[in-house]
Amino acid sequence: IGGKSVGALLGGVIRDSIPVYLSGSDRILKAEQEVDVYVRGVAETGAKAVKFKIGGRMSGNLDTYPGRTETVLKLGRQKLGDKTILYADANGSYSAGKAIEIGRLMESLNYTFFEEPCPFEELSETQDVAKALKIPIAFGEEIYSLWHFQWMLDNGVMKIVQPDINYNGGLIRAIRVARLAQKLGCKIVPHNTQTGVSSVNILQFASCVPNIGDYMEYPWRKPQQKESWFSPNFIIKDG
């Protein structure tokens, strides 16, 4: 009705190009297979950043199989090279002590952030990890309270703030989280499991929020396909 884009309605469009990082691989894959998924993904999309899955997901320090995490982290850097930005997501797999051990390996391999190292409800554990490591901690996909986000920011639980636009209650609430983060010099990188037209809110959000991270999350598991029921299709070009 207003003839405006969503970004314009939410405060004004400040960017029309949204760099993405590839995510969405599966822990059932062997380490070598997971790394190969992203080698192919970078070749097809031109993405400059990718995120691996490590640990066993809320697993109490258990890996999918012994040594998988270490192999993924080392092989990912070896195969994707020093110029590719690498992240890793533990989905709450570790105690603080184990997370610090894994985080130090990530630091030695020049990873850029460590997502959800400890169970999301164990805030003191995540806080201990953040204090012990230099690598920024990314956190927040399971959180939906603005007070909760404020407490975590004030107490140094994370540097990369990751509300899910859907779980957290929509674009306006996610922008409120972004403003909390901006006051403390933190970047916001929304958690995203959607592709195609379902991911449009990530692009609308990133078009108008000043303190978004360098890359937005976009799952990639197989070659990009065109859909017949909407247009234009979302195709990642040059990352």
Protein backbone atom coordinates (compact mmCIF):
# COMPACT_ATOMS: atom_id res chain seq x y z
CA ILE A 1 0.00 0.00 0.00
CA GLY A 2 2.79 2.41 0.89
CA GLY A 3 4.90 1.42 -2.08
CA LYS A 4 7.91 0.89 0.18
CA SER A 5 10.19 -2.06 0.81
CA VAL A 6 10.14 -3.74 4.22
CA GLY A 7 13.60 -2.32 4.88
CA ALA A 8 12.34 1.20 4.23
CA LEU A 9 9.41 0.69 6.63
CA LEU A 10 11.78 -0.58 9.32
CA GLY A 11 14.00 2.47 9.31
CA GLY A 12 15.61 2.82 5.89
CA VAL A 13 17.59 0.63 3.53
CA ILE A 14 21.34 1.05 4.07
CA ARG A 15 22.60 -1.89 1.96
CA ASP A 16 21.32 -3.79 -1.06
CA SER A 17 23.95 -6.53 -1.10
CA ILE A 18 23.92 -9.13 1.69
CA PRO A 19 26.99 -11.36 2.04
CA VAL A 20 26.12 -14.81 3.40
CA TYR A 21 27.93 -17.67 5.08
CA LEU A 22 27.04 -21.26 4.22
CA SER A 23 25.68 -23.49 6.99
CA GLY A 24 23.31 -26.39 7.46
CA SER A 25 25.49 -29.49 7.20
CA ASP A 26 24.62 -32.57 9.23
CA ARG A 27 26.50 -34.26 12.06
CA ILE A 28 25.71 -37.70 10.61
CA LEU A 29 28.25 -36.93 7.89
CA LYS A 30 31.80 -38.07 8.40
CA ALA A 31 34.27 -35.24 8.89
CA GLU A 32 35.67 -35.57 5.39
CA GLN A 33 32.18 -35.53 3.86
CA GLU A 34 31.14 -32.41 5.76
CA VAL A 35 34.22 -30.52 4.63
CA ASP A 36 33.60 -31.61 1.03
CA VAL A 37 30.03 -30.23 1.21
CA TYR A 38 31.47 -26.79 1.81
CA VAL A 39 34.28 -27.11 -0.69
CA ARG A 40 31.55 -27.69 -3.31
CA GLY A 41 29.38 -24.95 -1.81
CA VAL A 42 32.11 -22.31 -1.98
CA ALA A 43 32.91 -23.32 -5.56
CA GLU A 44 29.25 -22.93 -6.63
CA THR A 45 28.24 -19.83 -4.68
CA GLY A 46 31.47 -17.86 -4.29
CA ALA A 47 30.80 -17.65 -0.54
CA LYS A 48 33.66 -16.24 1.53
CA ALA A 49 32.59 -17.90 4.81
CA VAL A 50 31.21 -21.25 6.03
CA LYS A 51 30.17 -22.83 9.33
CA PHE A 52 30.84 -26.39 10.43
CA LYS A 53 28.86 -28.48 12.92
CA ILE A 54 31.00 -29.85 15.75
CA GLY A 55 30.33 -31.91 18.88
CA GLY A 56 27.23 -34.06 19.23
CA ARG A 57 24.47 -31.47 19.92
CA MET A 58 23.61 -31.13 23.64
CA SER A 59 25.68 -34.28 24.05
CA GLY A 60 27.60 -33.85 27.31
CA ASN A 61 31.02 -33.69 25.59
CA LEU A 62 30.38 -36.67 23.30
CA ASP A 63 31.28 -36.36 19.63
CA THR A 64 29.36 -38.04 16.80
CA TYR A 65 32.35 -40.37 16.77
CA PRO A 66 35.75 -39.94 18.45
CA GLY A 67 37.93 -37.36 16.75
CA ARG A 68 35.33 -36.04 14.32
CA THR A 69 35.40 -32.47 15.64
CA GLU A 70 39.17 -32.13 15.54
CA THR A 71 39.26 -33.59 12.02
CA VAL A 72 36.54 -31.22 10.75
CA LEU A 73 38.27 -28.17 12.19
CA LYS A 74 41.73 -29.02 10.87
CA LEU A 75 40.64 -30.40 7.50
CA GLY A 76 38.28 -27.47 6.96
CA ARG A 77 41.12 -25.01 7.27
CA GLN A 78 43.41 -27.18 5.14
CA LYS A 79 40.94 -27.64 2.27
CA LEU A 80 39.30 -24.20 2.27
CA GLY A 81 42.53 -22.29 2.81
CA ASP A 82 43.55 -19.30 4.86
CA LYS A 83 41.38 -16.80 2.96
CA THR A 84 38.04 -18.49 3.78
CA ILE A 85 36.37 -17.31 6.99
CA LEU A 86 35.48 -20.31 9.14
CA TYR A 87 33.00 -20.61 12.00
CA ALA A 88 31.93 -23.63 14.06
CA ASP A 89 28.68 -24.41 15.90
CA ALA A 90 28.61 -26.83 18.85
CA ASN A 91 24.86 -26.58 19.57
CA GLY A 92 25.48 -26.81 23.30
CA SER A 93 27.69 -29.91 23.16
CA TYR A 94 30.28 -29.07 25.81
CA SER A 95 31.01 -28.35 29.42
CA ALA A 96 33.00 -25.16 29.95
CA GLY A 97 36.28 -27.06 30.30
CA LYS A 98 35.84 -29.03 27.10
CA ALA A 99 34.58 -25.97 25.22
CA ILE A 100 37.71 -24.05 26.22
CA GLU A 101 39.85 -26.92 24.90
CA ILE A 102 38.00 -26.93 21.57
CA GLY A 103 38.02 -23.15 21.44
CA ARG A 104 41.79 -23.03 21.78
CA LEU A 105 42.14 -25.42 18.86
CA MET A 106 39.85 -23.11 16.86
CA GLU A 107 42.00 -20.13 17.81
CA SER A 108 45.13 -21.93 16.60
CA LEU A 109 43.39 -22.51 13.26
CA ASN A 110 42.19 -18.90 12.99
CA TYR A 111 38.43 -19.54 13.23
CA THR A 112 36.34 -16.38 13.50
CA PHE A 113 33.59 -17.34 15.98
CA PHE A 114 32.54 -20.25 18.21
CA GLU A 115 28.76 -20.71 18.35
CA GLU A 116 26.82 -22.02 21.37
CA PRO A 117 29.67 -23.97 23.02
CA CYS A 118 27.62 -24.92 26.10
CA PRO A 119 23.94 -25.79 26.67
CA PHE A 120 21.94 -22.62 26.09
CA GLU A 121 20.44 -22.58 29.60
CA GLU A 122 23.87 -22.82 31.25
CA LEU A 123 24.74 -19.13 31.01
CA SER A 124 27.53 -19.24 33.59
CA GLU A 125 29.25 -22.01 31.64
CA THR A 126 29.13 -19.99 28.43
CA GLN A 127 30.32 -16.93 30.34
CA ASP A 128 33.36 -18.88 31.63
CA VAL A 129 34.19 -19.93 28.07
CA ALA A 130 33.90 -16.37 26.79
CA LYS A 131 36.25 -15.12 29.52
CA ALA A 132 38.85 -17.82 28.82
CA LEU A 133 39.04 -17.49 25.03
CA LYS A 134 40.01 -14.80 22.55
CA ILE A 135 37.72 -16.15 19.81
CA PRO A 136 34.32 -14.39 19.96
CA ILE A 137 31.41 -16.46 21.27
CA ALA A 138 28.20 -16.44 19.21
CA PHE A 139 24.99 -17.17 21.12
CA GLY A 140 21.26 -16.55 21.36
CA GLU A 141 19.25 -18.68 18.92
CA GLU A 142 17.17 -20.22 21.74
CA ILE A 143 16.58 -16.94 23.60
CA TYR A 144 13.37 -14.92 23.23
CA SER A 145 13.47 -12.50 26.19
CA LEU A 146 14.84 -8.98 25.69
CA TRP A 147 15.86 -8.92 29.36
CA HIS A 148 17.72 -12.18 28.81
CA PHE A 149 19.64 -10.71 25.86
CA GLN A 150 20.44 -7.58 27.89
CA TRP A 151 21.82 -9.64 30.79
CA MET A 152 23.98 -11.75 28.45
CA LEU A 153 25.37 -8.66 26.75
CA ASP A 154 26.03 -6.84 30.00
CA ASN A 155 27.83 -9.89 31.43
CA GLY A 156 29.98 -10.72 28.44
CA VAL A 157 28.35 -14.02 27.52
CA MET A 158 28.69 -13.35 23.78
CA LYS A 159 30.07 -10.89 21.23
CA ILE A 160 28.04 -12.19 18.27
CA VAL A 161 24.31 -11.95 19.02
CA GLN A 162 22.11 -14.56 17.32
CA PRO A 163 18.38 -14.22 17.84
CA ASP A 164 16.25 -16.24 15.48
CA ILE A 165 13.85 -13.82 13.82
CA ASN A 166 11.04 -16.40 14.05
CA TYR A 167 11.69 -17.79 17.57
CA ASN A 168 12.34 -14.33 18.97
CA GLY A 169 9.06 -12.91 17.72
CA GLY A 170 9.60 -11.19 14.40
CA LEU A 171 11.54 -8.41 12.71
CA ILE A 172 10.74 -5.62 15.18
CA ARG A 173 11.76 -7.65 18.25
CA ALA A 174 14.96 -8.74 16.48
CA ILE A 175 15.73 -5.08 15.73
CA ARG A 176 15.28 -4.31 19.43
CA VAL A 177 17.88 -6.98 20.19
CA ALA A 178 20.16 -5.44 17.56
CA ARG A 179 19.87 -2.04 19.24
CA LEU A 180 20.78 -3.55 22.63
CA ALA A 181 23.83 -5.11 20.98
CA GLN A 182 24.78 -1.92 19.13
CA LYS A 183 25.05 0.07 22.36
CA LEU A 184 27.74 -2.37 23.55
CA GLY A 185 29.58 -2.56 20.25
CA CYS A 186 28.36 -6.08 19.40
CA LYS A 187 27.31 -7.42 16.02
CA ILE A 188 24.09 -9.27 15.30
CA VAL A 189 23.94 -12.35 13.08
CA PRO A 190 20.45 -13.89 13.22
CA HIS A 191 20.14 -17.66 13.43
CA ASN A 192 18.55 -18.98 10.23
CA THR A 193 17.51 -22.44 9.08
CA GLN A 194 15.47 -21.29 6.07
CA THR A 195 16.24 -21.02 2.37
CA GLY A 196 14.42 -19.59 -0.64
CA VAL A 197 11.37 -17.44 -0.02
CA SER A 198 11.26 -18.54 3.64
CA SER A 199 14.56 -16.73 4.23
CA VAL A 200 13.35 -13.35 2.96
CA ASN A 201 13.14 -11.96 6.50
CA ILE A 202 16.92 -12.38 6.90
CA LEU A 203 17.49 -10.21 3.83
CA GLN A 204 14.91 -7.62 4.90
CA PHE A 205 16.48 -7.46 8.37
CA ALA A 206 20.04 -7.17 7.05
CA SER A 207 19.05 -4.44 4.58
CA CYS A 208 18.30 -1.93 7.34
CA VAL A 209 20.14 -2.89 10.57
CA PRO A 210 23.43 -0.97 11.02
CA ASN A 211 25.31 -3.48 13.20
CA ILE A 212 24.74 -6.72 11.34
CA GLY A 213 27.71 -9.05 11.13
CA ASP A 214 29.90 -9.42 8.09
CA TYR A 215 27.87 -12.40 6.81
CA MET A 216 24.30 -13.63 7.28
CA GLU A 217 23.52 -17.33 7.76
CA TYR A 218 22.20 -19.23 4.73
CA PRO A 219 21.91 -23.05 4.70
CA TRP A 220 23.50 -24.84 1.75
CA ARG A 221 23.35 -28.61 1.36
CA LYS A 222 23.04 -29.21 -2.37
CA PRO A 223 23.19 -27.28 -5.66
CA GLN A 224 20.86 -24.30 -5.78
CA GLN A 225 17.52 -25.05 -7.40
CA LYS A 226 14.89 -22.83 -8.93
CA GLU A 227 11.36 -22.91 -7.55
CA SER A 228 8.31 -22.52 -9.78
CA TRP A 229 5.90 -20.99 -7.26
CA PHE A 230 7.68 -17.69 -6.54
CA SER A 231 10.06 -15.30 -8.23
CA PRO A 232 12.67 -14.03 -8.33
CA ASN A 233 14.52 -17.09 -7.04
CA PHE A 234 17.24 -16.54 -4.47
CA ILE A 235 20.56 -17.52 -5.99
CA ILE A 236 23.81 -16.79 -4.18
CA LYS A 237 26.28 -15.06 -6.51
CA ASP A 238 29.80 -13.98 -5.50
CA GLY A 239 28.90 -14.93 -1.95
